[in-house]
PDB file of N, CA and C in Angstrom:
ATOM      1  N   MET A   1     147.871 -69.556 -84.522  1.00  0.00           N
ATOM      2  CA  MET A   1     147.737 -69.606 -85.985  1.00  0.00           C
ATOM      3  C   MET A   1     148.426 -68.397 -86.628  1.00  0.00           C
ATOM      4  N   PRO A   2     149.016 -68.630 -87.807  1.00  0.00           N
ATOM      5  CA  PRO A   2     149.649 -67.472 -88.389  1.00  0.00           C
ATOM      6  C   PRO A   2     148.695 -66.493 -88.806  1.00  0.00           C
ATOM      7  N   ILE A   3     149.185 -65.154 -89.083  1.00  0.00           N
ATOM      8  CA  ILE A   3     148.360 -64.070 -89.528  1.00  0.00           C
ATOM      9  C   ILE A   3     148.782 -63.670 -90.868  1.00  0.00           C
ATOM     10  N   PHE A   4     147.985 -63.433 -91.876  1.00  0.00           N
ATOM     11  CA  PHE A   4     148.189 -63.062 -93.099  1.00  0.00           C
ATOM     12  C   PHE A   4     147.616 -61.678 -93.629  1.00  0.00           C
ATOM     13  N   LEU A   5     148.292 -61.009 -94.451  1.00  0.00           N
ATOM     14  CA  LEU A   5     147.673 -59.776 -95.000  1.00  0.00           C
ATOM     15  C   LEU A   5     147.771 -59.948 -96.521  1.00  0.00           C
ATOM     16  N   ASP A   6     146.763 -59.488 -97.111  1.00  0.00           N
ATOM     17  CA  ASP A   6     146.668 -59.677 -98.633  1.00  0.00           C
ATOM     18  C   ASP A   6     146.091 -58.334 -99.138  1.00  0.00           C
ATOM     19  N   VAL A   7     146.184 -58.162-100.462  1.00  0.00           N
ATOM     20  CA  VAL A   7     145.558 -56.991-101.138  1.00  0.00           C
ATOM     21  C   VAL A   7     145.011 -57.334-102.441  1.00  0.00           C
ATOM     22  N   HIS A   8     143.833 -56.868-102.708  1.00  0.00           N
ATOM     23  CA  HIS A   8     143.148 -57.064-104.004  1.00  0.00           C
ATOM     24  C   HIS A   8     142.096 -56.019-104.244  1.00  0.00           C
ATOM     25  N   LYS A   9     141.433 -55.971-105.355  1.00  0.00           N
ATOM     26  CA  LYS A   9     140.414 -55.083-105.600  1.00  0.00           C
ATOM     27  C   LYS A   9     139.170 -55.336-104.752  1.00  0.00           C
ATOM     28  N   ILE A  10     138.437 -54.341-104.367  1.00  0.00           N
ATOM     29  CA  ILE A  10     137.156 -54.453-103.593  1.00  0.00           C
ATOM     30  C   ILE A  10     136.199 -55.372-104.288  1.00  0.00           C
ATOM     31  N   PRO A  11     135.902 -56.482-103.740  1.00  0.00           N
ATOM     32  CA  PRO A  11     135.009 -57.434-104.491  1.00  0.00           C
ATOM     33  C   PRO A  11     133.573 -57.362-104.180  1.00  0.00           C
ATOM     34  N   PHE A  12     133.175 -56.693-102.992  1.00  0.00           N
ATOM     35  CA  PHE A  12     131.818 -56.609-102.547  1.00  0.00           C
ATOM     36  C   PHE A  12     131.421 -55.161-102.132  1.00  0.00           C
ATOM     37  N   LYS A  13     130.275 -54.824-101.920  1.00  0.00           N
ATOM     38  CA  LYS A  13     129.761 -53.639-101.346  1.00  0.00           C
ATOM     39  C   LYS A  13     130.160 -53.503 -99.945  1.00  0.00           C
ATOM     40  N   GLU A  14     130.261 -52.264 -99.431  1.00  0.00           N
ATOM     41  CA  GLU A  14     130.743 -52.049 -98.064  1.00  0.00           C
ATOM     42  C   GLU A  14     130.018 -52.730 -96.971  1.00  0.00           C
ATOM     43  N   ASP A  15     128.661 -52.966 -97.088  1.00  0.00           N
ATOM     44  CA  ASP A  15     127.877 -53.607 -95.943  1.00  0.00           C
ATOM     45  C   ASP A  15     128.351 -55.087 -96.018  1.00  0.00           C
ATOM     46  N   HIS A  16     128.607 -55.665 -97.178  1.00  0.00           N
ATOM     47  CA  HIS A  16     129.012 -57.093 -97.182  1.00  0.00           C
ATOM     48  C   HIS A  16     130.501 -57.319 -96.594  1.00  0.00           C
ATOM     49  N   LEU A  17     131.360 -56.337 -96.884  1.00  0.00           N
ATOM     50  CA  LEU A  17     132.610 -56.322 -96.280  1.00  0.00           C
ATOM     51  C   LEU A  17     132.529 -56.378 -94.803  1.00  0.00           C
ATOM     52  N   LYS A  18     131.588 -55.459 -94.228  1.00  0.00           N
ATOM     53  CA  LYS A  18     131.525 -55.463 -92.795  1.00  0.00           C
ATOM     54  C   LYS A  18     130.951 -56.793 -92.231  1.00  0.00           C
ATOM     55  N   GLU A  19     130.168 -57.433 -92.880  1.00  0.00           N
ATOM     56  CA  GLU A  19     129.575 -58.731 -92.499  1.00  0.00           C
ATOM     57  C   GLU A  19     130.678 -59.727 -92.535  1.00  0.00           C
ATOM     58  N   LEU A  20     131.534 -59.825 -93.414  1.00  0.00           N
ATOM     59  CA  LEU A  20     132.605 -60.777 -93.624  1.00  0.00           C
ATOM     60  C   LEU A  20     133.541 -60.746 -92.340  1.00  0.00           C
ATOM     61  N   VAL A  21     133.704 -59.554 -91.730  1.00  0.00           N
ATOM     62  CA  VAL A  21     134.694 -59.568 -90.536  1.00  0.00           C
ATOM     63  C   VAL A  21     134.062 -60.458 -89.444  1.00  0.00           C
ATOM     64  N   ASP A  22     132.817 -60.523 -89.294  1.00  0.00           N
ATOM     65  CA  ASP A  22     132.210 -61.423 -88.227  1.00  0.00           C
ATOM     66  C   ASP A  22     131.860 -62.713 -88.665  1.00  0.00           C
ATOM     67  N   SER A  23     132.172 -63.134 -89.857  1.00  0.00           N
ATOM     68  CA  SER A  23     131.858 -64.485 -90.402  1.00  0.00           C
ATOM     69  C   SER A  23     132.708 -65.594 -89.590  1.00  0.00           C
ATOM     70  N   PRO A  24     132.212 -66.793 -89.514  1.00  0.00           N
ATOM     71  CA  PRO A  24     132.974 -67.830 -88.777  1.00  0.00           C
ATOM     72  C   PRO A  24     134.037 -68.351 -89.668  1.00  0.00           C
ATOM     73  N   ILE A  25     134.860 -69.148 -89.097  1.00  0.00           N
ATOM     74  CA  ILE A  25     135.987 -69.795 -89.723  1.00  0.00           C
ATOM     75  C   ILE A  25     135.431 -70.558 -90.871  1.00  0.00           C
ATOM     76  N   ASP A  26     136.098 -70.409 -92.067  1.00  0.00           N
ATOM     77  CA  ASP A  26     135.539 -71.107 -93.183  1.00  0.00           C
ATOM     78  C   ASP A  26     136.167 -72.563 -93.347  1.00  0.00           C
ATOM     79  N   GLU A  27     135.777 -73.318 -94.410  1.00  0.00           N
ATOM     80  CA  GLU A  27     136.176 -74.649 -94.581  1.00  0.00           C
ATOM     81  C   GLU A  27     137.748 -74.854 -94.804  1.00  0.00           C
ATOM     82  N   PHE A  28     138.427 -73.687 -95.008  1.00  0.00           N
ATOM     83  CA  PHE A  28     139.920 -73.710 -95.188  1.00  0.00           C
ATOM     84  C   PHE A  28     140.635 -73.370 -93.849  1.00  0.00           C
ATOM     85  N   GLY A  29     139.834 -73.092 -92.829  1.00  0.00           N
ATOM     86  CA  GLY A  29     140.395 -72.606 -91.579  1.00  0.00           C
ATOM     87  C   GLY A  29     140.796 -71.154 -91.504  1.00  0.00           C
ATOM     88  N   VAL A  30     140.248 -70.363 -92.392  1.00  0.00           N
ATOM     89  CA  VAL A  30     140.508 -68.853 -92.488  1.00  0.00           C
ATOM     90  C   VAL A  30     139.433 -68.219 -91.709  1.00  0.00           C
ATOM     91  N   LYS A  31     139.866 -67.154 -90.953  1.00  0.00           N
ATOM     92  CA  LYS A  31     139.048 -66.307 -90.238  1.00  0.00           C
ATOM     93  C   LYS A  31     139.407 -64.833 -90.518  1.00  0.00           C
ATOM     94  N   HIS A  32     138.435 -63.963 -90.705  1.00  0.00           N
ATOM     95  CA  HIS A  32     138.820 -62.548 -90.927  1.00  0.00           C
ATOM     96  C   HIS A  32     139.169 -61.897 -89.568  1.00  0.00           C
ATOM     97  N   ILE A  33     140.240 -61.143 -89.532  1.00  0.00           N
ATOM     98  CA  ILE A  33     140.596 -60.452 -88.210  1.00  0.00           C
ATOM     99  C   ILE A  33     140.002 -59.009 -88.562  1.00  0.00           C
ATOM    100  N   ASN A  34     140.243 -58.541 -89.729  1.00  0.00           N
ATOM    101  CA  ASN A  34     139.725 -57.138 -90.115  1.00  0.00           C
ATOM    102  C   ASN A  34     140.055 -56.913 -91.637  1.00  0.00           C
ATOM    103  N   LEU A  35     139.214 -56.103 -92.200  1.00  0.00           N
ATOM    104  CA  LEU A  35     139.235 -55.628 -93.581  1.00  0.00           C
ATOM    105  C   LEU A  35     139.470 -54.174 -93.637  1.00  0.00           C
ATOM    106  N   ILE A  36     140.467 -53.736 -94.364  1.00  0.00           N
ATOM    107  CA  ILE A  36     140.895 -52.291 -94.548  1.00  0.00           C
ATOM    108  C   ILE A  36     140.650 -52.033 -96.042  1.00  0.00           C
ATOM    109  N   TYR A  37     139.765 -51.054 -96.332  1.00  0.00           N
ATOM    110  CA  TYR A  37     139.480 -50.818 -97.665  1.00  0.00           C
ATOM    111  C   TYR A  37     139.349 -49.323 -97.952  1.00  0.00           C
ATOM    112  N   ASN A  38     139.442 -48.954 -99.217  1.00  0.00           N
ATOM    113  CA  ASN A  38     139.383 -47.651 -99.739  1.00  0.00           C
ATOM    114  C   ASN A  38     138.477 -47.679-100.974  1.00  0.00           C
ATOM    115  N   ASP A  39     137.280 -47.188-101.010  1.00  0.00           N
ATOM    116  CA  ASP A  39     136.389 -47.205-102.140  1.00  0.00           C
ATOM    117  C   ASP A  39     136.891 -46.453-103.264  1.00  0.00           C
ATOM    118  N   ARG A  40     137.431 -45.263-103.027  1.00  0.00           N
ATOM    119  CA  ARG A  40     137.956 -44.430-104.151  1.00  0.00           C
ATOM    120  C   ARG A  40     139.087 -45.039-104.859  1.00  0.00           C
ATOM    121  N   ASN A  41     139.903 -45.833-104.253  1.00  0.00           N
ATOM    122  CA  ASN A  41     141.013 -46.469-104.985  1.00  0.00           C
ATOM    123  C   ASN A  41     140.674 -47.989-105.315  1.00  0.00           C
ATOM    124  N   ASP A  42     139.535 -48.392-104.987  1.00  0.00           N
ATOM    125  CA  ASP A  42     139.013 -49.818-105.214  1.00  0.00           C
ATOM    126  C   ASP A  42     140.101 -50.823-104.705  1.00  0.00           C
ATOM    127  N   VAL A  43     140.566 -50.619-103.473  1.00  0.00           N
ATOM    128  CA  VAL A  43     141.578 -51.572-102.877  1.00  0.00           C
ATOM    129  C   VAL A  43     141.011 -52.082-101.556  1.00  0.00           C
ATOM    130  N   CYS A  44     141.287 -53.348-101.257  1.00  0.00           N
ATOM    131  CA  CYS A  44     140.950 -53.963-100.091  1.00  0.00           C
ATOM    132  C   CYS A  44     142.133 -54.743 -99.537  1.00  0.00           C
ATOM    133  N   PHE A  45     142.493 -54.556 -98.255  1.00  0.00           N
ATOM    134  CA  PHE A  45     143.408 -55.352 -97.511  1.00  0.00           C
ATOM    135  C   PHE A  45     142.817 -56.242 -96.531  1.00  0.00           C
ATOM    136  N   CYS A  46     142.954 -57.597 -96.541  1.00  0.00           N
ATOM    137  CA  CYS A  46     142.369 -58.555 -95.637  1.00  0.00           C
ATOM    138  C   CYS A  46     143.547 -58.844 -94.677  1.00  0.00           C
ATOM    139  N   LEU A  47     143.244 -58.828 -93.440  1.00  0.00           N
ATOM    140  CA  LEU A  47     143.904 -59.288 -92.343  1.00  0.00           C
ATOM    141  C   LEU A  47     143.401 -60.671 -91.808  1.00  0.00           C
ATOM    142  N   LEU A  48     144.002 -61.792 -92.033  1.00  0.00           N
ATOM    143  CA  LEU A  48     143.388 -63.050 -91.807  1.00  0.00           C
ATOM    144  C   LEU A  48     144.096 -63.909 -90.844  1.00  0.00           C
ATOM    145  N   ASP A  49     143.459 -64.756 -90.048  1.00  0.00           N
ATOM    146  CA  ASP A  49     143.934 -65.771 -89.263  1.00  0.00           C
ATOM    147  C   ASP A  49     143.879 -67.036 -90.103  1.00  0.00           C
ATOM    148  N   ALA A  50     144.981 -67.720 -90.512  1.00  0.00           N
ATOM    149  CA  ALA A  50     144.726 -68.888 -91.343  1.00  0.00           C
ATOM    150  C   ALA A  50     145.934 -69.851 -91.099  1.00  0.00           C
ATOM    151  N   PRO A  51     145.697 -71.150 -91.408  1.00  0.00           N
ATOM    152  CA  PRO A  51     146.681 -72.167 -91.151  1.00  0.00           C
ATOM    153  C   PRO A  51     147.988 -71.921 -91.923  1.00  0.00           C
ATOM    154  N   ASP A  52     147.891 -71.520 -93.217  1.00  0.00           N
ATOM    155  CA  ASP A  52     149.000 -71.285 -94.177  1.00  0.00           C
ATOM    156  C   ASP A  52     148.551 -70.452 -95.366  1.00  0.00           C
ATOM    157  N   HIS A  53     149.584 -70.183 -96.101  1.00  0.00           N
ATOM    158  CA  HIS A  53     149.495 -69.347 -97.224  1.00  0.00           C
ATOM    159  C   HIS A  53     148.475 -69.942 -98.273  1.00  0.00           C
ATOM    160  N   GLU A  54     148.539 -71.247 -98.557  1.00  0.00           N
ATOM    161  CA  GLU A  54     147.648 -71.965 -99.431  1.00  0.00           C
ATOM    162  C   GLU A  54     146.157 -71.892 -98.998  1.00  0.00           C
ATOM    163  N   SER A  55     145.889 -71.764 -97.704  1.00  0.00           N
ATOM    164  CA  SER A  55     144.535 -71.726 -97.206  1.00  0.00           C
ATOM    165  C   SER A  55     143.981 -70.339 -97.605  1.00  0.00           C
ATOM    166  N   VAL A  56     144.804 -69.289 -97.527  1.00  0.00           N
ATOM    167  CA  VAL A  56     144.406 -67.920 -97.964  1.00  0.00           C
ATOM    168  C   VAL A  56     144.072 -67.862 -99.411  1.00  0.00           C
ATOM    169  N   VAL A  57     144.898 -68.558-100.212  1.00  0.00           N
ATOM    170  CA  VAL A  57     144.693 -68.632-101.634  1.00  0.00           C
ATOM    171  C   VAL A  57     143.300 -69.283-101.934  1.00  0.00           C
ATOM    172  N   LYS A  58     143.032 -70.449-101.342  1.00  0.00           N
ATOM    173  CA  LYS A  58     141.834 -71.182-101.574  1.00  0.00           C
ATOM    174  C   LYS A  58     140.617 -70.331-101.036  1.00  0.00           C
ATOM    175  N   HIS A  59     140.787 -69.649 -99.889  1.00  0.00           N
ATOM    176  CA  HIS A  59     139.732 -68.704 -99.369  1.00  0.00           C
ATOM    177  C   HIS A  59     139.238 -67.725-100.473  1.00  0.00           C
ATOM    178  N   HIS A  60     140.234 -67.110-101.044  1.00  0.00           N
ATOM    179  CA  HIS A  60     139.929 -66.152-102.048  1.00  0.00           C
ATOM    180  C   HIS A  60     139.434 -66.709-103.437  1.00  0.00           C
ATOM    181  N   ASP A  61     140.089 -67.878-103.790  1.00  0.00           N
ATOM    182  CA  ASP A  61     139.638 -68.482-104.997  1.00  0.00           C
ATOM    183  C   ASP A  61     138.162 -68.975-104.960  1.00  0.00           C
ATOM    184  N   LYS A  62     137.698 -69.243-103.817  1.00  0.00           N
ATOM    185  CA  LYS A  62     136.282 -69.687-103.675  1.00  0.00           C
ATOM    186  C   LYS A  62     135.327 -68.697-104.266  1.00  0.00           C
ATOM    187  N   VAL A  63     135.673 -67.352-104.079  1.00  0.00           N
ATOM    188  CA  VAL A  63     134.765 -66.274-104.554  1.00  0.00           C
ATOM    189  C   VAL A  63     135.425 -65.525-105.700  1.00  0.00           C
ATOM    190  N   ASN A  64     136.293 -66.192-106.471  1.00  0.00           N
ATOM    191  CA  ASN A  64     136.993 -65.660-107.521  1.00  0.00           C
ATOM    192  C   ASN A  64     137.555 -64.320-107.382  1.00  0.00           C
ATOM    193  N   ILE A  65     138.297 -64.180-106.286  1.00  0.00           N
ATOM    194  CA  ILE A  65     139.175 -63.036-105.966  1.00  0.00           C
ATOM    195  C   ILE A  65     140.617 -63.393-106.232  1.00  0.00           C
ATOM    196  N   GLN A  66     141.269 -62.554-107.078  1.00  0.00           N
ATOM    197  CA  GLN A  66     142.749 -62.703-107.384  1.00  0.00           C
ATOM    198  C   GLN A  66     143.453 -61.637-106.542  1.00  0.00           C
ATOM    199  N   CYS A  67     144.307 -62.159-105.564  1.00  0.00           N
ATOM    200  CA  CYS A  67     145.136 -61.268-104.790  1.00  0.00           C
ATOM    201  C   CYS A  67     146.407 -60.820-105.486  1.00  0.00           C
ATOM    202  N   GLU A  68     146.653 -59.588-105.320  1.00  0.00           N
ATOM    203  CA  GLU A  68     147.985 -59.039-105.857  1.00  0.00           C
ATOM    204  C   GLU A  68     149.211 -59.659-105.164  1.00  0.00           C
ATOM    205  N   TRP A  69     149.011 -59.757-103.775  1.00  0.00           N
ATOM    206  CA  TRP A  69     150.105 -60.379-102.949  1.00  0.00           C
ATOM    207  C   TRP A  69     149.321 -60.865-101.611  1.00  0.00           C
ATOM    208  N   ILE A  70     150.045 -61.791-101.008  1.00  0.00           N
ATOM    209  CA  ILE A  70     149.777 -62.425 -99.755  1.00  0.00           C
ATOM    210  C   ILE A  70     151.004 -62.523 -98.980  1.00  0.00           C
ATOM    211  N   MET A  71     151.027 -62.079 -97.761  1.00  0.00           N
ATOM    212  CA  MET A  71     152.260 -62.257 -96.991  1.00  0.00           C
ATOM    213  C   MET A  71     151.902 -62.607 -95.463  1.00  0.00           C
ATOM    214  N   GLU A  72     152.732 -63.458 -94.833  1.00  0.00           N
ATOM    215  CA  GLU A  72     152.546 -63.630 -93.427  1.00  0.00           C
ATOM    216  C   GLU A  72     153.099 -62.487 -92.643  1.00  0.00           C
ATOM    217  N   VAL A  73     152.375 -62.013 -91.602  1.00  0.00           N
ATOM    218  CA  VAL A  73     152.849 -60.813 -90.895  1.00  0.00           C
ATOM    219  C   VAL A  73     152.696 -61.160 -89.394  1.00  0.00           C
ATOM    220  N   ASN A  74     153.326 -60.214 -88.553  1.00  0.00           N
ATOM    221  CA  ASN A  74     153.269 -60.279 -87.162  1.00  0.00           C
ATOM    222  C   ASN A  74     152.486 -59.051 -86.747  1.00  0.00           C
ATOM    223  N   LEU A  75     151.704 -59.115 -85.713  1.00  0.00           N
ATOM    224  CA  LEU A  75     150.979 -58.033 -85.155  1.00  0.00           C
ATOM    225  C   LEU A  75     151.602 -57.426 -83.903  1.00  0.00           C
ATOM    226  N   ALA A  76     151.738 -56.070 -83.703  1.00  0.00           N
ATOM    227  CA  ALA A  76     152.275 -55.537 -82.498  1.00  0.00           C
ATOM    228  C   ALA A  76     151.242 -55.523 -81.427  1.00  0.00           C
ATOM    229  N   LYS A  77     150.041 -55.591 -81.724  1.00  0.00           N
ATOM    230  CA  LYS A  77     148.808 -55.602 -80.847  1.00  0.00           C
ATOM    231  C   LYS A  77     147.935 -56.636 -81.104  1.00  0.00           C
ATOM    232  N   TYR A  78     147.739 -57.586 -80.157  1.00  0.00           N
ATOM    233  CA  TYR A  78     146.818 -58.749 -80.433  1.00  0.00           C
ATOM    234  C   TYR A  78     145.478 -58.643 -79.743  1.00  0.00           C
ATOM    235  N   ASN A  79     145.241 -57.744 -78.814  1.00  0.00           N
ATOM    236  CA  ASN A  79     144.079 -57.797 -78.050  1.00  0.00           C
ATOM    237  C   ASN A  79     142.812 -57.461 -78.647  1.00  0.00           C
ATOM    238  N   SER A  80     142.900 -57.030 -79.964  1.00  0.00           N
ATOM    239  CA  SER A  80     141.647 -56.695 -80.706  1.00  0.00           C
ATOM    240  C   SER A  80     141.212 -57.831 -81.627  1.00  0.00           C
ATOM    241  N   ILE A  81     141.875 -58.943 -81.633  1.00  0.00           N
ATOM    242  CA  ILE A  81     141.597 -60.090 -82.482  1.00  0.00           C
ATOM    243  C   ILE A  81     140.497 -60.889 -81.679  1.00  0.00           C
ATOM    244  N   LYS A  82     139.376 -61.171 -82.450  1.00  0.00           N
ATOM    245  CA  LYS A  82     138.260 -61.963 -81.926  1.00  0.00           C
ATOM    246  C   LYS A  82     138.523 -63.425 -82.290  1.00  0.00           C
ATOM    247  N   LYS A  83     138.288 -64.331 -81.419  1.00  0.00           N
ATOM    248  CA  LYS A  83     138.479 -65.770 -81.693  1.00  0.00           C
ATOM    249  C   LYS A  83     137.134 -66.342 -81.485  1.00  0.00           C
ATOM    250  N   ASP A  84     136.807 -67.332 -82.195  1.00  0.00           N
ATOM    251  CA  ASP A  84     135.545 -68.143 -81.990  1.00  0.00           C
ATOM    252  C   ASP A  84     135.806 -69.237 -81.005  1.00  0.00           C
TER     253      ASP A  84
END
């Protein structure tokens, strides 16, 4: 499945962000690989395993998050990805 990276404002508290990384695949087929965030700058990068760009948009729309951008990416190292 393709990997996507997106960026948006931090929508939740740190504890909730850490829980999201371990959440199961959602109804759009999206699974969190990792979340990279900075509280001081109010920015969150999501690294997602998803079927397509539209699935990533729907994933964020469900919780009223507006991404600044979303792009498909390749990873140099895959061994840290958790699969269900």
